[in-house]
């Protein structure tokens, strides 16, 4: 076995039954192979089926179209934009806020 990345709950708000997520696939040779999407689906099952959460959310930078596509594939929707919130690669970038509700998760095929 080898470590390829990580996924976690960054923030859990038990009162409101919401959680923020983080994910990274650190080995670039493994990007685009579905590992991130698969890991996200496992975390979603844990969150909605075992932890009784109502909503999951995450932040993704606008220069990461692969991640955005993966999150959309998992059922996440764009909820808002933090304009020019992140400085990288010599300029400011938008941070996209995405989320999924338990009812949306349950309606996925």
PDB file of N, CA and C in Angstrom:
ATOM      1  N   UNK A   1       0.835  -1.185   0.000  1.00  0.00           N
ATOM      2  CA  UNK A   1       0.000   0.000   0.000  1.00  0.00           C
ATOM      3  C   UNK A   1       0.875   1.241   0.000  1.00  0.00           C
ATOM      4  N   UNK A   2       0.355   2.296  -0.614  1.00  0.00           N
ATOM      5  CA  UNK A   2       1.067   3.565  -0.561  1.00  0.00           C
ATOM      6  C   UNK A   2       0.080   4.707  -0.382  1.00  0.00           C
ATOM      7  N   UNK A   3       0.535   5.748   0.249  1.00  0.00           N
ATOM      8  CA  UNK A   3      -0.293   6.928   0.495  1.00  0.00           C
ATOM      9  C   UNK A   3      -0.412   7.721  -0.797  1.00  0.00           C
ATOM     10  N   UNK A   4      -1.657   8.014  -1.217  1.00  0.00           N
ATOM     11  CA  UNK A   4      -1.850   8.815  -2.429  1.00  0.00           C
ATOM     12  C   UNK A   4      -2.528  10.145  -2.146  1.00  0.00           C
ATOM     13  N   UNK A   5      -3.129  10.283  -0.974  1.00  0.00           N
ATOM     14  CA  UNK A   5      -3.804  11.525  -0.651  1.00  0.00           C
ATOM     15  C   UNK A   5      -4.574  11.396   0.647  1.00  0.00           C
ATOM     16  N   UNK A   6      -5.406  12.385   0.885  1.00  0.00           N
ATOM     17  CA  UNK A   6      -6.189  12.378   2.109  1.00  0.00           C
ATOM     18  C   UNK A   6      -7.505  13.103   1.933  1.00  0.00           C
ATOM     19  N   UNK A   7      -8.447  12.766   2.779  1.00  0.00           N
ATOM     20  CA  UNK A   7      -9.759  13.414   2.777  1.00  0.00           C
ATOM     21  C   UNK A   7     -10.217  13.489   4.216  1.00  0.00           C
ATOM     22  N   UNK A   8     -10.870  14.586   4.575  1.00  0.00           N
ATOM     23  CA  UNK A   8     -11.265  14.739   5.973  1.00  0.00           C
ATOM     24  C   UNK A   8     -12.418  15.719   6.120  1.00  0.00           C
ATOM     25  N   UNK A   9     -13.043  15.640   7.287  1.00  0.00           N
ATOM     26  CA  UNK A   9     -13.958  16.687   7.712  1.00  0.00           C
ATOM     27  C   UNK A   9     -13.083  17.755   8.357  1.00  0.00           C
ATOM     28  N   UNK A  10     -13.131  18.976   7.838  1.00  0.00           N
ATOM     29  CA  UNK A  10     -12.343  20.069   8.412  1.00  0.00           C
ATOM     30  C   UNK A  10     -13.083  20.733   9.563  1.00  0.00           C
ATOM     31  N   UNK A  11     -14.381  20.844   9.426  1.00  0.00           N
ATOM     32  CA  UNK A  11     -15.223  21.507  10.413  1.00  0.00           C
ATOM     33  C   UNK A  11     -16.493  20.686  10.514  1.00  0.00           C
ATOM     34  N   UNK A  12     -16.896  20.353  11.741  1.00  0.00           N
ATOM     35  CA  UNK A  12     -18.192  19.701  11.929  1.00  0.00           C
ATOM     36  C   UNK A  12     -19.007  20.564  12.890  1.00  0.00           C
ATOM     37  N   UNK A  13     -20.172  20.984  12.422  1.00  0.00           N
ATOM     38  CA  UNK A  13     -21.111  21.761  13.224  1.00  0.00           C
ATOM     39  C   UNK A  13     -22.253  20.807  13.596  1.00  0.00           C
ATOM     40  N   UNK A  14     -22.145  20.188  14.785  1.00  0.00           N
ATOM     41  CA  UNK A  14     -23.124  19.184  15.190  1.00  0.00           C
ATOM     42  C   UNK A  14     -24.502  19.794  15.425  1.00  0.00           C
ATOM     43  N   UNK A  15     -24.551  21.025  15.907  1.00  0.00           N
ATOM     44  CA  UNK A  15     -25.832  21.675  16.178  1.00  0.00           C
ATOM     45  C   UNK A  15     -26.654  21.818  14.899  1.00  0.00           C
ATOM     46  N   UNK A  16     -25.991  22.253  13.818  1.00  0.00           N
ATOM     47  CA  UNK A  16     -26.682  22.460  12.538  1.00  0.00           C
ATOM     48  C   UNK A  16     -26.531  21.287  11.579  1.00  0.00           C
ATOM     49  N   UNK A  17     -25.801  20.253  12.010  1.00  0.00           N
ATOM     50  CA  UNK A  17     -25.600  19.029  11.232  1.00  0.00           C
ATOM     51  C   UNK A  17     -24.967  19.311   9.862  1.00  0.00           C
ATOM     52  N   UNK A  18     -23.944  20.148   9.860  1.00  0.00           N
ATOM     53  CA  UNK A  18     -23.215  20.510   8.643  1.00  0.00           C
ATOM     54  C   UNK A  18     -21.726  20.247   8.856  1.00  0.00           C
ATOM     55  N   UNK A  19     -21.023  20.006   7.737  1.00  0.00           N
ATOM     56  CA  UNK A  19     -19.580  19.789   7.845  1.00  0.00           C
ATOM     57  C   UNK A  19     -18.876  20.294   6.594  1.00  0.00           C
ATOM     58  N   UNK A  20     -17.693  20.842   6.796  1.00  0.00           N
ATOM     59  CA  UNK A  20     -16.812  21.223   5.703  1.00  0.00           C
ATOM     60  C   UNK A  20     -15.848  20.081   5.418  1.00  0.00           C
ATOM     61  N   UNK A  21     -15.521  19.904   4.156  1.00  0.00           N
ATOM     62  CA  UNK A  21     -14.659  18.804   3.719  1.00  0.00           C
ATOM     63  C   UNK A  21     -13.381  19.327   3.097  1.00  0.00           C
ATOM     64  N   UNK A  22     -12.363  18.495   3.129  1.00  0.00           N
ATOM     65  CA  UNK A  22     -11.120  18.766   2.421  1.00  0.00           C
ATOM     66  C   UNK A  22     -10.619  17.490   1.783  1.00  0.00           C
ATOM     67  N   UNK A  23     -10.023  17.609   0.609  1.00  0.00           N
ATOM     68  CA  UNK A  23      -9.492  16.438  -0.090  1.00  0.00           C
ATOM     69  C   UNK A  23      -8.253  16.844  -0.876  1.00  0.00           C
ATOM     70  N   UNK A  24      -7.301  15.917  -0.938  1.00  0.00           N
ATOM     71  CA  UNK A  24      -6.118  16.136  -1.772  1.00  0.00           C
ATOM     72  C   UNK A  24      -5.642  14.789  -2.293  1.00  0.00           C
ATOM     73  N   UNK A  25      -5.334  14.746  -3.567  1.00  0.00           N
ATOM     74  CA  UNK A  25      -4.628  13.616  -4.169  1.00  0.00           C
ATOM     75  C   UNK A  25      -3.244  14.174  -4.481  1.00  0.00           C
ATOM     76  N   UNK A  26      -2.275  13.797  -3.672  1.00  0.00           N
ATOM     77  CA  UNK A  26      -0.955  14.404  -3.742  1.00  0.00           C
ATOM     78  C   UNK A  26      -0.075  13.898  -4.875  1.00  0.00           C
ATOM     79  N   UNK A  27      -0.302  12.691  -5.322  1.00  0.00           N
ATOM     80  CA  UNK A  27       0.503  12.092  -6.383  1.00  0.00           C
ATOM     81  C   UNK A  27      -0.116  12.446  -7.740  1.00  0.00           C
ATOM     82  N   UNK A  28       0.494  13.382  -8.449  1.00  0.00           N
ATOM     83  CA  UNK A  28      -0.071  13.874  -9.717  1.00  0.00           C
ATOM     84  C   UNK A  28      -0.229  12.783 -10.765  1.00  0.00           C
ATOM     85  N   UNK A  29       0.553  11.730 -10.676  1.00  0.00           N
ATOM     86  CA  UNK A  29       0.416  10.642 -11.655  1.00  0.00           C
ATOM     87  C   UNK A  29      -0.902   9.895 -11.482  1.00  0.00           C
ATOM     88  N   UNK A  30      -1.567  10.120 -10.363  1.00  0.00           N
ATOM     89  CA  UNK A  30      -2.845   9.450 -10.093  1.00  0.00           C
ATOM     90  C   UNK A  30      -4.054  10.356 -10.304  1.00  0.00           C
ATOM     91  N   UNK A  31      -3.812  11.609 -10.715  1.00  0.00           N
ATOM     92  CA  UNK A  31      -4.918  12.512 -11.006  1.00  0.00           C
ATOM     93  C   UNK A  31      -5.704  11.998 -12.214  1.00  0.00           C
ATOM     94  N   UNK A  32      -7.002  12.238 -12.209  1.00  0.00           N
ATOM     95  CA  UNK A  32      -7.836  11.873 -13.347  1.00  0.00           C
ATOM     96  C   UNK A  32      -8.189  10.393 -13.414  1.00  0.00           C
ATOM     97  N   UNK A  33      -7.918   9.650 -12.359  1.00  0.00           N
ATOM     98  CA  UNK A  33      -8.188   8.218 -12.358  1.00  0.00           C
ATOM     99  C   UNK A  33      -9.404   7.853 -11.498  1.00  0.00           C
ATOM    100  N   UNK A  34     -10.083   8.862 -10.946  1.00  0.00           N
ATOM    101  CA  UNK A  34     -11.298   8.608 -10.177  1.00  0.00           C
ATOM    102  C   UNK A  34     -11.106   8.381  -8.691  1.00  0.00           C
ATOM    103  N   UNK A  35      -9.864   8.442  -8.205  1.00  0.00           N
ATOM    104  CA  UNK A  35      -9.633   8.208  -6.782  1.00  0.00           C
ATOM    105  C   UNK A  35     -10.304   9.270  -5.908  1.00  0.00           C
ATOM    106  N   UNK A  36     -10.223  10.521  -6.322  1.00  0.00           N
ATOM    107  CA  UNK A  36     -10.837  11.602  -5.548  1.00  0.00           C
ATOM    108  C   UNK A  36     -12.345  11.488  -5.512  1.00  0.00           C
ATOM    109  N   UNK A  37     -12.947  11.188  -6.654  1.00  0.00           N
ATOM    110  CA  UNK A  37     -14.400  11.024  -6.719  1.00  0.00           C
ATOM    111  C   UNK A  37     -14.834   9.857  -5.845  1.00  0.00           C
ATOM    112  N   UNK A  38     -14.123   8.758  -5.919  1.00  0.00           N
ATOM    113  CA  UNK A  38     -14.446   7.587  -5.103  1.00  0.00           C
ATOM    114  C   UNK A  38     -14.315   7.901  -3.616  1.00  0.00           C
ATOM    115  N   UNK A  39     -13.237   8.562  -3.233  1.00  0.00           N
ATOM    116  CA  UNK A  39     -13.033   8.912  -1.825  1.00  0.00           C
ATOM    117  C   UNK A  39     -14.126   9.859  -1.341  1.00  0.00           C
ATOM    118  N   UNK A  40     -14.523  10.814  -2.187  1.00  0.00           N
ATOM    119  CA  UNK A  40     -15.577  11.749  -1.799  1.00  0.00           C
ATOM    120  C   UNK A  40     -16.891  11.010  -1.573  1.00  0.00           C
ATOM    121  N   UNK A  41     -17.188  10.055  -2.425  1.00  0.00           N
ATOM    122  CA  UNK A  41     -18.432   9.286  -2.262  1.00  0.00           C
ATOM    123  C   UNK A  41     -18.419   8.479  -0.969  1.00  0.00           C
ATOM    124  N   UNK A  42     -17.281   7.946  -0.590  1.00  0.00           N
ATOM    125  CA  UNK A  42     -17.164   7.216   0.675  1.00  0.00           C
ATOM    126  C   UNK A  42     -17.414   8.166   1.846  1.00  0.00           C
ATOM    127  N   UNK A  43     -16.815   9.347   1.800  1.00  0.00           N
ATOM    128  CA  UNK A  43     -16.992  10.324   2.872  1.00  0.00           C
ATOM    129  C   UNK A  43     -18.448  10.793   2.945  1.00  0.00           C
ATOM    130  N   UNK A  44     -19.090  10.951   1.784  1.00  0.00           N
ATOM    131  CA  UNK A  44     -20.500  11.347   1.761  1.00  0.00           C
ATOM    132  C   UNK A  44     -21.380  10.270   2.395  1.00  0.00           C
ATOM    133  N   UNK A  45     -21.091   9.004   2.096  1.00  0.00           N
ATOM    134  CA  UNK A  45     -21.848   7.906   2.725  1.00  0.00           C
ATOM    135  C   UNK A  45     -21.704   7.946   4.238  1.00  0.00           C
ATOM    136  N   UNK A  46     -20.479   8.143   4.697  1.00  0.00           N
ATOM    137  CA  UNK A  46     -20.228   8.246   6.132  1.00  0.00           C
ATOM    138  C   UNK A  46     -21.021   9.419   6.727  1.00  0.00           C
ATOM    139  N   UNK A  47     -20.939  10.567   6.088  1.00  0.00           N
ATOM    140  CA  UNK A  47     -21.584  11.775   6.608  1.00  0.00           C
ATOM    141  C   UNK A  47     -23.102  11.640   6.678  1.00  0.00           C
ATOM    142  N   UNK A  48     -23.705  11.156   5.604  1.00  0.00           N
ATOM    143  CA  UNK A  48     -25.165  11.130   5.537  1.00  0.00           C
ATOM    144  C   UNK A  48     -25.774   9.852   6.121  1.00  0.00           C
ATOM    145  N   UNK A  49     -25.115   8.720   5.945  1.00  0.00           N
ATOM    146  CA  UNK A  49     -25.691   7.453   6.405  1.00  0.00           C
ATOM    147  C   UNK A  49     -25.334   7.107   7.846  1.00  0.00           C
ATOM    148  N   UNK A  50     -24.173   7.504   8.314  1.00  0.00           N
ATOM    149  CA  UNK A  50     -23.724   7.123   9.658  1.00  0.00           C
ATOM    150  C   UNK A  50     -23.719   8.282  10.661  1.00  0.00           C
ATOM    151  N   UNK A  51     -23.355   9.472  10.187  1.00  0.00           N
ATOM    152  CA  UNK A  51     -23.208  10.610  11.099  1.00  0.00           C
ATOM    153  C   UNK A  51     -24.461  11.477  11.161  1.00  0.00           C
ATOM    154  N   UNK A  52     -25.446  11.187  10.311  1.00  0.00           N
ATOM    155  CA  UNK A  52     -26.718  11.912  10.315  1.00  0.00           C
ATOM    156  C   UNK A  52     -26.542  13.409  10.032  1.00  0.00           C
ATOM    157  N   UNK A  53     -25.614  13.748   9.137  1.00  0.00           N
ATOM    158  CA  UNK A  53     -25.429  15.151   8.769  1.00  0.00           C
ATOM    159  C   UNK A  53     -26.467  15.560   7.730  1.00  0.00           C
ATOM    160  N   UNK A  54     -26.713  16.854   7.663  1.00  0.00           N
ATOM    161  CA  UNK A  54     -27.715  17.415   6.749  1.00  0.00           C
ATOM    162  C   UNK A  54     -27.086  18.066   5.513  1.00  0.00           C
ATOM    163  N   UNK A  55     -25.890  18.630   5.675  1.00  0.00           N
ATOM    164  CA  UNK A  55     -25.261  19.385   4.586  1.00  0.00           C
ATOM    165  C   UNK A  55     -23.752  19.248   4.660  1.00  0.00           C
ATOM    166  N   UNK A  56     -23.127  19.111   3.499  1.00  0.00           N
ATOM    167  CA  UNK A  56     -21.673  19.127   3.375  1.00  0.00           C
ATOM    168  C   UNK A  56     -21.280  20.287   2.477  1.00  0.00           C
ATOM    169  N   UNK A  57     -20.155  20.905   2.754  1.00  0.00           N
ATOM    170  CA  UNK A  57     -19.679  22.012   1.927  1.00  0.00           C
ATOM    171  C   UNK A  57     -18.164  21.924   1.773  1.00  0.00           C
ATOM    172  N   UNK A  58     -17.679  22.619   0.750  1.00  0.00           N
ATOM    173  CA  UNK A  58     -16.241  22.679   0.510  1.00  0.00           C
ATOM    174  C   UNK A  58     -15.908  23.933  -0.272  1.00  0.00           C
ATOM    175  N   UNK A  59     -14.635  24.275  -0.285  1.00  0.00           N
ATOM    176  CA  UNK A  59     -14.107  25.392  -1.078  1.00  0.00           C
ATOM    177  C   UNK A  59     -13.162  24.813  -2.116  1.00  0.00           C
ATOM    178  N   UNK A  60     -13.224  25.351  -3.328  1.00  0.00           N
ATOM    179  CA  UNK A  60     -12.327  24.926  -4.400  1.00  0.00           C
ATOM    180  C   UNK A  60     -11.908  26.169  -5.185  1.00  0.00           C
ATOM    181  N   UNK A  61     -10.652  26.211  -5.604  1.00  0.00           N
ATOM    182  CA  UNK A  61     -10.166  27.380  -6.348  1.00  0.00           C
ATOM    183  C   UNK A  61     -10.563  27.281  -7.814  1.00  0.00           C
ATOM    184  N   UNK A  62     -10.788  28.418  -8.421  1.00  0.00           N
ATOM    185  CA  UNK A  62     -11.287  28.460  -9.801  1.00  0.00           C
ATOM    186  C   UNK A  62     -10.316  27.866 -10.821  1.00  0.00           C
ATOM    187  N   UNK A  63      -9.051  27.731 -10.474  1.00  0.00           N
ATOM    188  CA  UNK A  63      -8.076  27.172 -11.413  1.00  0.00           C
ATOM    189  C   UNK A  63      -7.969  25.644 -11.307  1.00  0.00           C
ATOM    190  N   UNK A  64      -8.933  25.009 -10.642  1.00  0.00           N
ATOM    191  CA  UNK A  64      -8.907  23.564 -10.458  1.00  0.00           C
ATOM    192  C   UNK A  64     -10.145  22.909 -11.098  1.00  0.00           C
ATOM    193  N   UNK A  65     -10.230  22.938 -12.428  1.00  0.00           N
ATOM    194  CA  UNK A  65     -11.434  22.421 -13.099  1.00  0.00           C
ATOM    195  C   UNK A  65     -11.659  20.924 -12.885  1.00  0.00           C
ATOM    196  N   UNK A  66     -10.588  20.154 -12.701  1.00  0.00           N
ATOM    197  CA  UNK A  66     -10.759  18.712 -12.444  1.00  0.00           C
ATOM    198  C   UNK A  66     -11.501  18.468 -11.143  1.00  0.00           C
ATOM    199  N   UNK A  67     -11.106  19.201 -10.107  1.00  0.00           N
ATOM    200  CA  UNK A  67     -11.780  19.050  -8.814  1.00  0.00           C
ATOM    201  C   UNK A  67     -13.238  19.501  -8.907  1.00  0.00           C
ATOM    202  N   UNK A  68     -13.478  20.623  -9.572  1.00  0.00           N
ATOM    203  CA  UNK A  68     -14.847  21.123  -9.717  1.00  0.00           C
ATOM    204  C   UNK A  68     -15.711  20.083 -10.417  1.00  0.00           C
ATOM    205  N   UNK A  69     -15.198  19.494 -11.490  1.00  0.00           N
ATOM    206  CA  UNK A  69     -15.947  18.463 -12.222  1.00  0.00           C
ATOM    207  C   UNK A  69     -16.204  17.248 -11.340  1.00  0.00           C
ATOM    208  N   UNK A  70     -15.235  16.851 -10.545  1.00  0.00           N
ATOM    209  CA  UNK A  70     -15.390  15.705  -9.643  1.00  0.00           C
ATOM    210  C   UNK A  70     -16.479  15.978  -8.611  1.00  0.00           C
ATOM    211  N   UNK A  71     -16.462  17.175  -8.031  1.00  0.00           N
ATOM    212  CA  UNK A  71     -17.472  17.515  -7.024  1.00  0.00           C
ATOM    213  C   UNK A  71     -18.870  17.549  -7.645  1.00  0.00           C
ATOM    214  N   UNK A  72     -18.973  18.098  -8.854  1.00  0.00           N
ATOM    215  CA  UNK A  72     -20.265  18.129  -9.529  1.00  0.00           C
ATOM    216  C   UNK A  72     -20.747  16.708  -9.832  1.00  0.00           C
ATOM    217  N   UNK A  73     -19.836  15.845 -10.220  1.00  0.00           N
ATOM    218  CA  UNK A  73     -20.154  14.438 -10.482  1.00  0.00           C
ATOM    219  C   UNK A  73     -20.714  13.772  -9.224  1.00  0.00           C
ATOM    220  N   UNK A  74     -20.230  14.193  -8.056  1.00  0.00           N
ATOM    221  CA  UNK A  74     -20.696  13.654  -6.780  1.00  0.00           C
ATOM    222  C   UNK A  74     -22.004  14.301  -6.317  1.00  0.00           C
ATOM    223  N   UNK A  75     -22.477  15.316  -7.035  1.00  0.00           N
ATOM    224  CA  UNK A  75     -23.742  15.953  -6.684  1.00  0.00           C
ATOM    225  C   UNK A  75     -23.636  17.312  -6.015  1.00  0.00           C
ATOM    226  N   UNK A  76     -22.410  17.791  -5.796  1.00  0.00           N
ATOM    227  CA  UNK A  76     -22.255  19.117  -5.196  1.00  0.00           C
ATOM    228  C   UNK A  76     -22.702  20.197  -6.172  1.00  0.00           C
ATOM    229  N   UNK A  77     -23.262  21.270  -5.628  1.00  0.00           N
ATOM    230  CA  UNK A  77     -23.715  22.401  -6.430  1.00  0.00           C
ATOM    231  C   UNK A  77     -22.934  23.650  -6.011  1.00  0.00           C
ATOM    232  N   UNK A  78     -22.742  24.535  -6.975  1.00  0.00           N
ATOM    233  CA  UNK A  78     -22.107  25.820  -6.662  1.00  0.00           C
ATOM    234  C   UNK A  78     -23.081  26.646  -5.840  1.00  0.00           C
ATOM    235  N   UNK A  79     -22.586  27.155  -4.725  1.00  0.00           N
ATOM    236  CA  UNK A  79     -23.437  27.956  -3.847  1.00  0.00           C
ATOM    237  C   UNK A  79     -23.017  29.418  -3.824  1.00  0.00           C
ATOM    238  N   UNK A  80     -21.787  29.696  -4.180  1.00  0.00           N
ATOM    239  CA  UNK A  80     -21.330  31.074  -4.151  1.00  0.00           C
ATOM    240  C   UNK A  80     -19.872  31.183  -4.543  1.00  0.00           C
ATOM    241  N   UNK A  81     -19.425  32.430  -4.622  1.00  0.00           N
ATOM    242  CA  UNK A  81     -18.048  32.717  -5.013  1.00  0.00           C
ATOM    243  C   UNK A  81     -17.461  33.707  -4.007  1.00  0.00           C
ATOM    244  N   UNK A  82     -16.289  33.380  -3.511  1.00  0.00           N
ATOM    245  CA  UNK A  82     -15.518  34.325  -2.716  1.00  0.00           C
ATOM    246  C   UNK A  82     -14.547  34.976  -3.704  1.00  0.00           C
ATOM    247  N   UNK A  83     -14.910  36.164  -4.143  1.00  0.00           N
ATOM    248  CA  UNK A  83     -14.182  36.812  -5.230  1.00  0.00           C
ATOM    249  C   UNK A  83     -12.761  37.179  -4.823  1.00  0.00           C
ATOM    250  N   UNK A  84     -11.811  36.769  -5.682  1.00  0.00           N
ATOM    251  CA  UNK A  84     -10.389  37.072  -5.522  1.00  0.00           C
ATOM    252  C   UNK A  84      -9.917  36.834  -4.091  1.00  0.00           C
ATOM    253  N   UNK A  85     -10.327  35.723  -3.531  1.00  0.00           N
ATOM    254  CA  UNK A  85     -10.041  35.399  -2.140  1.00  0.00           C
ATOM    255  C   UNK A  85      -8.697  34.707  -1.958  1.00  0.00           C
ATOM    256  N   UNK A  86      -8.130  34.172  -3.033  1.00  0.00           N
ATOM    257  CA  UNK A  86      -6.918  33.353  -2.936  1.00  0.00           C
ATOM    258  C   UNK A  86      -5.842  33.878  -3.881  1.00  0.00           C
ATOM    259  N   UNK A  87      -4.646  34.118  -3.351  1.00  0.00           N
ATOM    260  CA  UNK A  87      -3.534  34.589  -4.179  1.00  0.00           C
ATOM    261  C   UNK A  87      -2.607  33.420  -4.475  1.00  0.00           C
ATOM    262  N   UNK A  88      -2.452  33.099  -5.749  1.00  0.00           N
ATOM    263  CA  UNK A  88      -1.558  32.007  -6.175  1.00  0.00           C
ATOM    264  C   UNK A  88      -1.177  32.242  -7.623  1.00  0.00           C
ATOM    265  N   UNK A  89      -0.018  31.738  -7.997  1.00  0.00           N
ATOM    266  CA  UNK A  89       0.428  31.819  -9.387  1.00  0.00           C
ATOM    267  C   UNK A  89       0.501  33.274  -9.880  1.00  0.00           C
ATOM    268  N   UNK A  90       0.824  34.169  -8.959  1.00  0.00           N
ATOM    269  CA  UNK A  90       1.048  35.571  -9.315  1.00  0.00           C
ATOM    270  C   UNK A  90      -0.194  36.425  -9.462  1.00  0.00           C
ATOM    271  N   UNK A  91      -1.362  35.891  -9.117  1.00  0.00           N
ATOM    272  CA  UNK A  91      -2.573  36.716  -9.206  1.00  0.00           C
ATOM    273  C   UNK A  91      -3.636  36.201  -8.246  1.00  0.00           C
ATOM    274  N   UNK A  92      -4.706  36.981  -8.115  1.00  0.00           N
ATOM    275  CA  UNK A  92      -5.813  36.598  -7.251  1.00  0.00           C
ATOM    276  C   UNK A  92      -6.781  35.701  -8.001  1.00  0.00           C
ATOM    277  N   UNK A  93      -7.354  34.736  -7.270  1.00  0.00           N
ATOM    278  CA  UNK A  93      -8.305  33.786  -7.849  1.00  0.00           C
ATOM    279  C   UNK A  93      -9.562  33.730  -6.990  1.00  0.00           C
ATOM    280  N   UNK A  94     -10.654  33.386  -7.644  1.00  0.00           N
ATOM    281  CA  UNK A  94     -11.902  33.184  -6.925  1.00  0.00           C
ATOM    282  C   UNK A  94     -11.883  31.828  -6.230  1.00  0.00           C
ATOM    283  N   UNK A  95     -12.550  31.765  -5.099  1.00  0.00           N
ATOM    284  CA  UNK A  95     -12.786  30.507  -4.403  1.00  0.00           C
ATOM    285  C   UNK A  95     -14.267  30.195  -4.549  1.00  0.00           C
ATOM    286  N   UNK A  96     -14.565  29.015  -5.041  1.00  0.00           N
ATOM    287  CA  UNK A  96     -15.945  28.598  -5.266  1.00  0.00           C
ATOM    288  C   UNK A  96     -16.398  27.792  -4.054  1.00  0.00           C
ATOM    289  N   UNK A  97     -17.556  28.152  -3.525  1.00  0.00           N
ATOM    290  CA  UNK A  97     -18.162  27.418  -2.421  1.00  0.00           C
ATOM    291  C   UNK A  97     -19.159  26.445  -3.038  1.00  0.00           C
ATOM    292  N   UNK A  98     -19.023  25.169  -2.693  1.00  0.00           N
ATOM    293  CA  UNK A  98     -19.931  24.145  -3.209  1.00  0.00           C
ATOM    294  C   UNK A  98     -20.516  23.378  -2.027  1.00  0.00           C
ATOM    295  N   UNK A  99     -21.725  22.869  -2.213  1.00  0.00           N
ATOM    296  CA  UNK A  99     -22.353  22.117  -1.134  1.00  0.00           C
ATOM    297  C   UNK A  99     -23.337  21.091  -1.668  1.00  0.00           C
ATOM    298  N   UNK A 100     -23.701  20.168  -0.802  1.00  0.00           N
ATOM    299  CA  UNK A 100     -24.715  19.170  -1.117  1.00  0.00           C
ATOM    300  C   UNK A 100     -25.550  18.932   0.141  1.00  0.00           C
ATOM    301  N   UNK A 101     -26.860  18.825  -0.046  1.00  0.00           N
ATOM    302  CA  UNK A 101     -27.785  18.533   1.043  1.00  0.00           C
ATOM    303  C   UNK A 101     -28.064  17.038   1.088  1.00  0.00           C
ATOM    304  N   UNK A 102     -28.473  16.567   2.241  1.00  0.00           N
ATOM    305  CA  UNK A 102     -28.790  15.150   2.382  1.00  0.00           C
ATOM    306  C   UNK A 102     -29.853  14.726   1.369  1.00  0.00           C
ATOM    307  N   UNK A 103     -30.874  15.548   1.157  1.00  0.00           N
ATOM    308  CA  UNK A 103     -31.938  15.199   0.205  1.00  0.00           C
ATOM    309  C   UNK A 103     -31.395  15.076  -1.217  1.00  0.00           C
ATOM    310  N   UNK A 104     -30.430  15.911  -1.580  1.00  0.00           N
ATOM    311  CA  UNK A 104     -29.809  15.822  -2.906  1.00  0.00           C
ATOM    312  C   UNK A 104     -28.985  14.543  -3.025  1.00  0.00           C
ATOM    313  N   UNK A 105     -28.284  14.207  -1.937  1.00  0.00           N
ATOM    314  CA  UNK A 105     -27.500  12.967  -1.916  1.00  0.00           C
ATOM    315  C   UNK A 105     -28.422  11.757  -2.086  1.00  0.00           C
ATOM    316  N   UNK A 106     -29.544  11.755  -1.389  1.00  0.00           N
ATOM    317  CA  UNK A 106     -30.475  10.626  -1.453  1.00  0.00           C
ATOM    318  C   UNK A 106     -31.100  10.489  -2.847  1.00  0.00           C
ATOM    319  N   UNK A 107     -31.199  11.585  -3.580  1.00  0.00           N
ATOM    320  CA  UNK A 107     -31.811  11.569  -4.917  1.00  0.00           C
ATOM    321  C   UNK A 107     -30.821  11.178  -6.022  1.00  0.00           C
ATOM    322  N   UNK A 108     -29.530  11.030  -5.679  1.00  0.00           N
ATOM    323  CA  UNK A 108     -28.539  10.669  -6.707  1.00  0.00           C
ATOM    324  C   UNK A 108     -28.800   9.260  -7.217  1.00  0.00           C
ATOM    325  N   UNK A 109     -28.517   9.032  -8.510  1.00  0.00           N
ATOM    326  CA  UNK A 109     -28.716   7.673  -9.060  1.00  0.00           C
ATOM    327  C   UNK A 109     -27.722   6.674  -8.474  1.00  0.00           C
TER     328      UNK A 109
END
